[in-house]
């Protein structure tokens, strides 16, 4: 891509739902569980982190395999652009 061209980002419904929940949380904290109490799919978390829309926030001492993340400025931007 040259100059001012931007790729169109298409969030999956699961990615959008997870990232959107960070908008209303202090510091942009993203939940470990969905509204029904199920653990967020690790593939959703990994893809969002890989794309720079979320970033690991701190290590969870009780459950080290769980990644506690927060929404990034890029994540906020992609949510605004894809609405």
PDB file of N, CA and C in Angstrom:
ATOM      1  N   UNK A   1       0.847  -1.187   0.000  1.00  0.00           N
ATOM      2  CA  UNK A   1       0.000   0.000   0.000  1.00  0.00           C
ATOM      3  C   UNK A   1       0.881   1.235   0.000  1.00  0.00           C
ATOM      4  N   UNK A   2       0.441   2.254  -0.675  1.00  0.00           N
ATOM      5  CA  UNK A   2       1.190   3.504  -0.759  1.00  0.00           C
ATOM      6  C   UNK A   2       0.482   4.608   0.006  1.00  0.00           C
ATOM      7  N   UNK A   3       1.270   5.554   0.454  1.00  0.00           N
ATOM      8  CA  UNK A   3       0.734   6.796   1.010  1.00  0.00           C
ATOM      9  C   UNK A   3      -0.418   6.636   1.957  1.00  0.00           C
ATOM     10  N   UNK A   4      -1.569   7.230   1.577  1.00  0.00           N
ATOM     11  CA  UNK A   4      -2.708   7.309   2.474  1.00  0.00           C
ATOM     12  C   UNK A   4      -3.662   6.140   2.414  1.00  0.00           C
ATOM     13  N   UNK A   5      -3.299   5.082   1.693  1.00  0.00           N
ATOM     14  CA  UNK A   5      -4.196   3.938   1.618  1.00  0.00           C
ATOM     15  C   UNK A   5      -4.233   3.202   2.952  1.00  0.00           C
ATOM     16  N   UNK A   6      -5.416   2.753   3.327  1.00  0.00           N
ATOM     17  CA  UNK A   6      -5.574   2.005   4.578  1.00  0.00           C
ATOM     18  C   UNK A   6      -6.304   0.707   4.274  1.00  0.00           C
ATOM     19  N   UNK A   7      -5.854  -0.349   4.880  1.00  0.00           N
ATOM     20  CA  UNK A   7      -6.543  -1.626   4.731  1.00  0.00           C
ATOM     21  C   UNK A   7      -7.872  -1.554   5.474  1.00  0.00           C
ATOM     22  N   UNK A   8      -8.872  -2.177   4.899  1.00  0.00           N
ATOM     23  CA  UNK A   8     -10.162  -2.255   5.569  1.00  0.00           C
ATOM     24  C   UNK A   8     -10.085  -3.405   6.565  1.00  0.00           C
ATOM     25  N   UNK A   9     -10.352  -3.093   7.809  1.00  0.00           N
ATOM     26  CA  UNK A   9     -10.284  -4.093   8.871  1.00  0.00           C
ATOM     27  C   UNK A   9     -11.684  -4.632   9.110  1.00  0.00           C
ATOM     28  N   UNK A  10     -11.786  -5.940   9.103  1.00  0.00           N
ATOM     29  CA  UNK A  10     -13.068  -6.577   9.378  1.00  0.00           C
ATOM     30  C   UNK A  10     -12.926  -7.401  10.655  1.00  0.00           C
ATOM     31  N   UNK A  11     -13.568  -6.915  11.684  1.00  0.00           N
ATOM     32  CA  UNK A  11     -13.579  -7.646  12.953  1.00  0.00           C
ATOM     33  C   UNK A  11     -14.608  -8.764  12.879  1.00  0.00           C
ATOM     34  N   UNK A  12     -14.282  -9.896  13.444  1.00  0.00           N
ATOM     35  CA  UNK A  12     -15.295 -10.946  13.568  1.00  0.00           C
ATOM     36  C   UNK A  12     -16.287 -10.483  14.639  1.00  0.00           C
ATOM     37  N   UNK A  13     -17.489 -11.036  14.644  1.00  0.00           N
ATOM     38  CA  UNK A  13     -18.438 -10.664  15.703  1.00  0.00           C
ATOM     39  C   UNK A  13     -17.866 -10.903  17.101  1.00  0.00           C
ATOM     40  N   UNK A  14     -17.128 -11.998  17.282  1.00  0.00           N
ATOM     41  CA  UNK A  14     -16.547 -12.294  18.601  1.00  0.00           C
ATOM     42  C   UNK A  14     -15.480 -11.269  18.975  1.00  0.00           C
ATOM     43  N   UNK A  15     -14.656 -10.871  18.009  1.00  0.00           N
ATOM     44  CA  UNK A  15     -13.621  -9.869  18.270  1.00  0.00           C
ATOM     45  C   UNK A  15     -14.255  -8.531  18.637  1.00  0.00           C
ATOM     46  N   UNK A  16     -15.257  -8.123  17.856  1.00  0.00           N
ATOM     47  CA  UNK A  16     -15.934  -6.850  18.114  1.00  0.00           C
ATOM     48  C   UNK A  16     -16.568  -6.846  19.498  1.00  0.00           C
ATOM     49  N   UNK A  17     -17.249  -7.920  19.830  1.00  0.00           N
ATOM     50  CA  UNK A  17     -17.947  -7.998  21.118  1.00  0.00           C
ATOM     51  C   UNK A  17     -16.948  -7.893  22.272  1.00  0.00           C
ATOM     52  N   UNK A  18     -15.822  -8.606  22.160  1.00  0.00           N
ATOM     53  CA  UNK A  18     -14.817  -8.594  23.227  1.00  0.00           C
ATOM     54  C   UNK A  18     -14.172  -7.222  23.341  1.00  0.00           C
ATOM     55  N   UNK A  19     -13.720  -6.666  22.224  1.00  0.00           N
ATOM     56  CA  UNK A  19     -13.062  -5.356  22.260  1.00  0.00           C
ATOM     57  C   UNK A  19     -14.019  -4.266  22.737  1.00  0.00           C
ATOM     58  N   UNK A  20     -15.259  -4.341  22.297  1.00  0.00           N
ATOM     59  CA  UNK A  20     -16.253  -3.329  22.662  1.00  0.00           C
ATOM     60  C   UNK A  20     -16.462  -3.262  24.174  1.00  0.00           C
ATOM     61  N   UNK A  21     -16.339  -4.381  24.844  1.00  0.00           N
ATOM     62  CA  UNK A  21     -16.527  -4.388  26.303  1.00  0.00           C
ATOM     63  C   UNK A  21     -15.436  -3.608  27.017  1.00  0.00           C
ATOM     64  N   UNK A  22     -14.272  -3.451  26.391  1.00  0.00           N
ATOM     65  CA  UNK A  22     -13.192  -2.677  26.987  1.00  0.00           C
ATOM     66  C   UNK A  22     -13.449  -1.183  26.987  1.00  0.00           C
ATOM     67  N   UNK A  23     -14.365  -0.724  26.121  1.00  0.00           N
ATOM     68  CA  UNK A  23     -14.648   0.713  26.040  1.00  0.00           C
ATOM     69  C   UNK A  23     -15.243   1.259  27.330  1.00  0.00           C
ATOM     70  N   UNK A  24     -15.975   0.430  28.052  1.00  0.00           N
ATOM     71  CA  UNK A  24     -16.661   0.908  29.260  1.00  0.00           C
ATOM     72  C   UNK A  24     -15.932   0.543  30.555  1.00  0.00           C
ATOM     73  N   UNK A  25     -14.757  -0.049  30.444  1.00  0.00           N
ATOM     74  CA  UNK A  25     -14.023  -0.478  31.636  1.00  0.00           C
ATOM     75  C   UNK A  25     -12.863   0.460  31.952  1.00  0.00           C
ATOM     76  N   UNK A  26     -12.567   0.654  33.230  1.00  0.00           N
ATOM     77  CA  UNK A  26     -11.422   1.492  33.606  1.00  0.00           C
ATOM     78  C   UNK A  26     -10.136   0.969  32.958  1.00  0.00           C
ATOM     79  N   UNK A  27      -9.406   1.862  32.322  1.00  0.00           N
ATOM     80  CA  UNK A  27      -8.149   1.490  31.677  1.00  0.00           C
ATOM     81  C   UNK A  27      -8.319   0.638  30.440  1.00  0.00           C
ATOM     82  N   UNK A  28      -9.558   0.427  30.003  1.00  0.00           N
ATOM     83  CA  UNK A  28      -9.808  -0.400  28.823  1.00  0.00           C
ATOM     84  C   UNK A  28      -9.667  -1.889  29.083  1.00  0.00           C
ATOM     85  N   UNK A  29      -9.796  -2.300  30.368  1.00  0.00           N
ATOM     86  CA  UNK A  29      -9.628  -3.717  30.716  1.00  0.00           C
ATOM     87  C   UNK A  29     -10.619  -4.574  29.936  1.00  0.00           C
ATOM     88  N   UNK A  30     -10.085  -5.638  29.354  1.00  0.00           N
ATOM     89  CA  UNK A  30     -10.909  -6.572  28.595  1.00  0.00           C
ATOM     90  C   UNK A  30     -11.248  -7.772  29.475  1.00  0.00           C
ATOM     91  N   UNK A  31     -12.479  -8.272  29.362  1.00  0.00           N
ATOM     92  CA  UNK A  31     -12.917  -9.343  30.254  1.00  0.00           C
ATOM     93  C   UNK A  31     -12.291 -10.695  29.928  1.00  0.00           C
ATOM     94  N   UNK A  32     -12.183 -11.516  30.933  1.00  0.00           N
ATOM     95  CA  UNK A  32     -11.739 -12.899  30.751  1.00  0.00           C
ATOM     96  C   UNK A  32     -12.910 -13.801  30.368  1.00  0.00           C
ATOM     97  N   UNK A  33     -14.134 -13.358  30.716  1.00  0.00           N
ATOM     98  CA  UNK A  33     -15.330 -14.159  30.495  1.00  0.00           C
ATOM     99  C   UNK A  33     -16.383 -13.338  29.766  1.00  0.00           C
ATOM    100  N   UNK A  34     -17.240 -14.023  28.988  1.00  0.00           N
ATOM    101  CA  UNK A  34     -18.320 -13.332  28.298  1.00  0.00           C
ATOM    102  C   UNK A  34     -19.479 -13.078  29.265  1.00  0.00           C
ATOM    103  N   UNK A  35     -20.535 -12.483  28.766  1.00  0.00           N
ATOM    104  CA  UNK A  35     -21.676 -12.115  29.605  1.00  0.00           C
ATOM    105  C   UNK A  35     -22.376 -13.336  30.215  1.00  0.00           C
ATOM    106  N   UNK A  36     -22.197 -14.511  29.603  1.00  0.00           N
ATOM    107  CA  UNK A  36     -22.815 -15.735  30.123  1.00  0.00           C
ATOM    108  C   UNK A  36     -21.870 -16.514  31.040  1.00  0.00           C
ATOM    109  N   UNK A  37     -20.677 -15.969  31.300  1.00  0.00           N
ATOM    110  CA  UNK A  37     -19.739 -16.616  32.209  1.00  0.00           C
ATOM    111  C   UNK A  37     -18.778 -17.599  31.565  1.00  0.00           C
ATOM    112  N   UNK A  38     -18.795 -17.676  30.229  1.00  0.00           N
ATOM    113  CA  UNK A  38     -17.855 -18.564  29.533  1.00  0.00           C
ATOM    114  C   UNK A  38     -16.551 -17.830  29.265  1.00  0.00           C
ATOM    115  N   UNK A  39     -15.432 -18.564  29.349  1.00  0.00           N
ATOM    116  CA  UNK A  39     -14.111 -17.987  29.092  1.00  0.00           C
ATOM    117  C   UNK A  39     -14.042 -17.506  27.642  1.00  0.00           C
ATOM    118  N   UNK A  40     -13.477 -16.322  27.435  1.00  0.00           N
ATOM    119  CA  UNK A  40     -13.293 -15.795  26.086  1.00  0.00           C
ATOM    120  C   UNK A  40     -12.360 -16.738  25.328  1.00  0.00           C
ATOM    121  N   UNK A  41     -12.708 -17.049  24.097  1.00  0.00           N
ATOM    122  CA  UNK A  41     -11.913 -17.948  23.262  1.00  0.00           C
ATOM    123  C   UNK A  41     -10.488 -17.419  23.130  1.00  0.00           C
ATOM    124  N   UNK A  42      -9.510 -18.258  23.407  1.00  0.00           N
ATOM    125  CA  UNK A  42      -8.110 -17.828  23.359  1.00  0.00           C
ATOM    126  C   UNK A  42      -7.682 -17.412  21.957  1.00  0.00           C
ATOM    127  N   UNK A  43      -8.332 -17.939  20.916  1.00  0.00           N
ATOM    128  CA  UNK A  43      -8.010 -17.528  19.546  1.00  0.00           C
ATOM    129  C   UNK A  43      -8.438 -16.081  19.297  1.00  0.00           C
ATOM    130  N   UNK A  44      -9.552 -15.674  19.886  1.00  0.00           N
ATOM    131  CA  UNK A  44     -10.007 -14.284  19.774  1.00  0.00           C
ATOM    132  C   UNK A  44      -8.985 -13.367  20.445  1.00  0.00           C
ATOM    133  N   UNK A  45      -8.564 -13.732  21.643  1.00  0.00           N
ATOM    134  CA  UNK A  45      -7.585 -12.934  22.381  1.00  0.00           C
ATOM    135  C   UNK A  45      -6.282 -12.847  21.593  1.00  0.00           C
ATOM    136  N   UNK A  46      -5.781 -13.985  21.112  1.00  0.00           N
ATOM    137  CA  UNK A  46      -4.506 -14.017  20.386  1.00  0.00           C
ATOM    138  C   UNK A  46      -4.560 -13.161  19.123  1.00  0.00           C
ATOM    139  N   UNK A  47      -5.629 -13.284  18.350  1.00  0.00           N
ATOM    140  CA  UNK A  47      -5.755 -12.509  17.107  1.00  0.00           C
ATOM    141  C   UNK A  47      -5.774 -11.016  17.410  1.00  0.00           C
ATOM    142  N   UNK A  48      -6.512 -10.605  18.427  1.00  0.00           N
ATOM    143  CA  UNK A  48      -6.595  -9.185  18.775  1.00  0.00           C
ATOM    144  C   UNK A  48      -5.249  -8.656  19.262  1.00  0.00           C
ATOM    145  N   UNK A  49      -4.521  -9.456  20.025  1.00  0.00           N
ATOM    146  CA  UNK A  49      -3.185  -9.052  20.481  1.00  0.00           C
ATOM    147  C   UNK A  49      -2.236  -8.986  19.283  1.00  0.00           C
ATOM    148  N   UNK A  50      -2.276 -10.004  18.420  1.00  0.00           N
ATOM    149  CA  UNK A  50      -1.406 -10.030  17.235  1.00  0.00           C
ATOM    150  C   UNK A  50      -1.642  -8.828  16.322  1.00  0.00           C
ATOM    151  N   UNK A  51      -2.891  -8.382  16.226  1.00  0.00           N
ATOM    152  CA  UNK A  51      -3.235  -7.238  15.372  1.00  0.00           C
ATOM    153  C   UNK A  51      -2.942  -5.899  16.046  1.00  0.00           C
ATOM    154  N   UNK A  52      -2.635  -5.927  17.350  1.00  0.00           N
ATOM    155  CA  UNK A  52      -2.349  -4.691  18.075  1.00  0.00           C
ATOM    156  C   UNK A  52      -3.585  -3.993  18.615  1.00  0.00           C
ATOM    157  N   UNK A  53      -4.733  -4.681  18.599  1.00  0.00           N
ATOM    158  CA  UNK A  53      -5.979  -4.085  19.086  1.00  0.00           C
ATOM    159  C   UNK A  53      -6.113  -4.234  20.593  1.00  0.00           C
ATOM    160  N   UNK A  54      -5.391  -5.179  21.149  1.00  0.00           N
ATOM    161  CA  UNK A  54      -5.350  -5.420  22.596  1.00  0.00           C
ATOM    162  C   UNK A  54      -3.903  -5.722  22.950  1.00  0.00           C
ATOM    163  N   UNK A  55      -3.584  -5.520  24.236  1.00  0.00           N
ATOM    164  CA  UNK A  55      -2.230  -5.855  24.680  1.00  0.00           C
ATOM    165  C   UNK A  55      -2.294  -6.469  26.063  1.00  0.00           C
ATOM    166  N   UNK A  56      -1.378  -7.390  26.337  1.00  0.00           N
ATOM    167  CA  UNK A  56      -1.331  -7.962  27.681  1.00  0.00           C
ATOM    168  C   UNK A  56      -1.119  -6.851  28.702  1.00  0.00           C
ATOM    169  N   UNK A  57      -1.852  -6.943  29.818  1.00  0.00           N
ATOM    170  CA  UNK A  57      -1.807  -5.894  30.825  1.00  0.00           C
ATOM    171  C   UNK A  57      -0.963  -6.318  32.014  1.00  0.00           C
ATOM    172  N   UNK A  58      -1.252  -7.488  32.551  1.00  0.00           N
ATOM    173  CA  UNK A  58      -0.461  -8.002  33.666  1.00  0.00           C
ATOM    174  C   UNK A  58      -0.608  -9.517  33.725  1.00  0.00           C
ATOM    175  N   UNK A  59       0.317 -10.143  34.410  1.00  0.00           N
ATOM    176  CA  UNK A  59       0.283 -11.600  34.567  1.00  0.00           C
ATOM    177  C   UNK A  59      -0.721 -11.971  35.648  1.00  0.00           C
ATOM    178  N   UNK A  60      -1.530 -12.955  35.369  1.00  0.00           N
ATOM    179  CA  UNK A  60      -2.498 -13.465  36.330  1.00  0.00           C
ATOM    180  C   UNK A  60      -1.804 -14.551  37.151  1.00  0.00           C
ATOM    181  N   UNK A  61      -1.498 -14.249  38.395  1.00  0.00           N
ATOM    182  CA  UNK A  61      -0.763 -15.179  39.252  1.00  0.00           C
ATOM    183  C   UNK A  61      -1.550 -16.458  39.552  1.00  0.00           C
ATOM    184  N   UNK A  62      -2.869 -16.349  39.646  1.00  0.00           N
ATOM    185  CA  UNK A  62      -3.686 -17.517  39.963  1.00  0.00           C
ATOM    186  C   UNK A  62      -3.892 -18.432  38.763  1.00  0.00           C
ATOM    187  N   UNK A  63      -3.979 -17.845  37.584  1.00  0.00           N
ATOM    188  CA  UNK A  63      -4.197 -18.604  36.347  1.00  0.00           C
ATOM    189  C   UNK A  63      -3.232 -18.082  35.285  1.00  0.00           C
ATOM    190  N   UNK A  64      -1.966 -18.498  35.322  1.00  0.00           N
ATOM    191  CA  UNK A  64      -0.975 -17.948  34.391  1.00  0.00           C
ATOM    192  C   UNK A  64      -1.306 -18.185  32.922  1.00  0.00           C
ATOM    193  N   UNK A  65      -2.140 -19.183  32.618  1.00  0.00           N
ATOM    194  CA  UNK A  65      -2.504 -19.437  31.222  1.00  0.00           C
ATOM    195  C   UNK A  65      -3.541 -18.441  30.697  1.00  0.00           C
ATOM    196  N   UNK A  66      -4.139 -17.654  31.582  1.00  0.00           N
ATOM    197  CA  UNK A  66      -5.102 -16.637  31.175  1.00  0.00           C
ATOM    198  C   UNK A  66      -4.370 -15.325  30.942  1.00  0.00           C
ATOM    199  N   UNK A  67      -4.613 -14.710  29.813  1.00  0.00           N
ATOM    200  CA  UNK A  67      -3.981 -13.441  29.481  1.00  0.00           C
ATOM    201  C   UNK A  67      -4.935 -12.304  29.818  1.00  0.00           C
ATOM    202  N   UNK A  68      -4.558 -11.473  30.770  1.00  0.00           N
ATOM    203  CA  UNK A  68      -5.358 -10.296  31.120  1.00  0.00           C
ATOM    204  C   UNK A  68      -4.904  -9.175  30.193  1.00  0.00           C
ATOM    205  N   UNK A  69      -5.844  -8.642  29.423  1.00  0.00           N
ATOM    206  CA  UNK A  69      -5.502  -7.654  28.396  1.00  0.00           C
ATOM    207  C   UNK A  69      -6.273  -6.359  28.580  1.00  0.00           C
ATOM    208  N   UNK A  70      -5.789  -5.343  27.864  1.00  0.00           N
ATOM    209  CA  UNK A  70      -6.508  -4.070  27.810  1.00  0.00           C
ATOM    210  C   UNK A  70      -6.576  -3.618  26.357  1.00  0.00           C
ATOM    211  N   UNK A  71      -7.558  -2.814  26.087  1.00  0.00           N
ATOM    212  CA  UNK A  71      -7.776  -2.245  24.766  1.00  0.00           C
ATOM    213  C   UNK A  71      -6.676  -1.237  24.465  1.00  0.00           C
ATOM    214  N   UNK A  72      -6.161  -1.249  23.239  1.00  0.00           N
ATOM    215  CA  UNK A  72      -5.126  -0.295  22.836  1.00  0.00           C
ATOM    216  C   UNK A  72      -5.770   0.858  22.064  1.00  0.00           C
ATOM    217  N   UNK A  73      -5.031   1.950  21.853  1.00  0.00           N
ATOM    218  CA  UNK A  73      -5.548   3.014  20.987  1.00  0.00           C
ATOM    219  C   UNK A  73      -5.914   2.480  19.595  1.00  0.00           C
ATOM    220  N   UNK A  74      -5.125   1.549  19.066  1.00  0.00           N
ATOM    221  CA  UNK A  74      -5.444   0.956  17.759  1.00  0.00           C
ATOM    222  C   UNK A  74      -6.760   0.184  17.826  1.00  0.00           C
ATOM    223  N   UNK A  75      -7.019  -0.470  18.951  1.00  0.00           N
ATOM    224  CA  UNK A  75      -8.274  -1.186  19.133  1.00  0.00           C
ATOM    225  C   UNK A  75      -9.459  -0.235  19.161  1.00  0.00           C
ATOM    226  N   UNK A  76      -9.296   0.888  19.830  1.00  0.00           N
ATOM    227  CA  UNK A  76     -10.363   1.901  19.856  1.00  0.00           C
ATOM    228  C   UNK A  76     -10.631   2.423  18.445  1.00  0.00           C
ATOM    229  N   UNK A  77      -9.552   2.651  17.697  1.00  0.00           N
ATOM    230  CA  UNK A  77      -9.685   3.163  16.331  1.00  0.00           C
ATOM    231  C   UNK A  77     -10.409   2.163  15.441  1.00  0.00           C
ATOM    232  N   UNK A  78     -10.027   0.895  15.515  1.00  0.00           N
ATOM    233  CA  UNK A  78     -10.660  -0.106  14.660  1.00  0.00           C
ATOM    234  C   UNK A  78     -12.138  -0.264  15.011  1.00  0.00           C
ATOM    235  N   UNK A  79     -12.493  -0.119  16.273  1.00  0.00           N
ATOM    236  CA  UNK A  79     -13.905  -0.177  16.656  1.00  0.00           C
ATOM    237  C   UNK A  79     -14.680   0.992  16.056  1.00  0.00           C
ATOM    238  N   UNK A  80     -14.089   2.180  16.076  1.00  0.00           N
ATOM    239  CA  UNK A  80     -14.746   3.359  15.504  1.00  0.00           C
ATOM    240  C   UNK A  80     -14.893   3.225  13.992  1.00  0.00           C
ATOM    241  N   UNK A  81     -13.857   2.726  13.325  1.00  0.00           N
ATOM    242  CA  UNK A  81     -13.875   2.622  11.868  1.00  0.00           C
ATOM    243  C   UNK A  81     -14.820   1.541  11.367  1.00  0.00           C
ATOM    244  N   UNK A  82     -15.033   0.520  12.162  1.00  0.00           N
ATOM    245  CA  UNK A  82     -15.857  -0.593  11.691  1.00  0.00           C
ATOM    246  C   UNK A  82     -17.293  -0.518  12.184  1.00  0.00           C
ATOM    247  N   UNK A  83     -17.677   0.612  12.798  1.00  0.00           N
ATOM    248  CA  UNK A  83     -19.061   0.704  13.275  1.00  0.00           C
ATOM    249  C   UNK A  83     -19.986   1.231  12.218  1.00  0.00           C
TER     250      UNK A  83
END
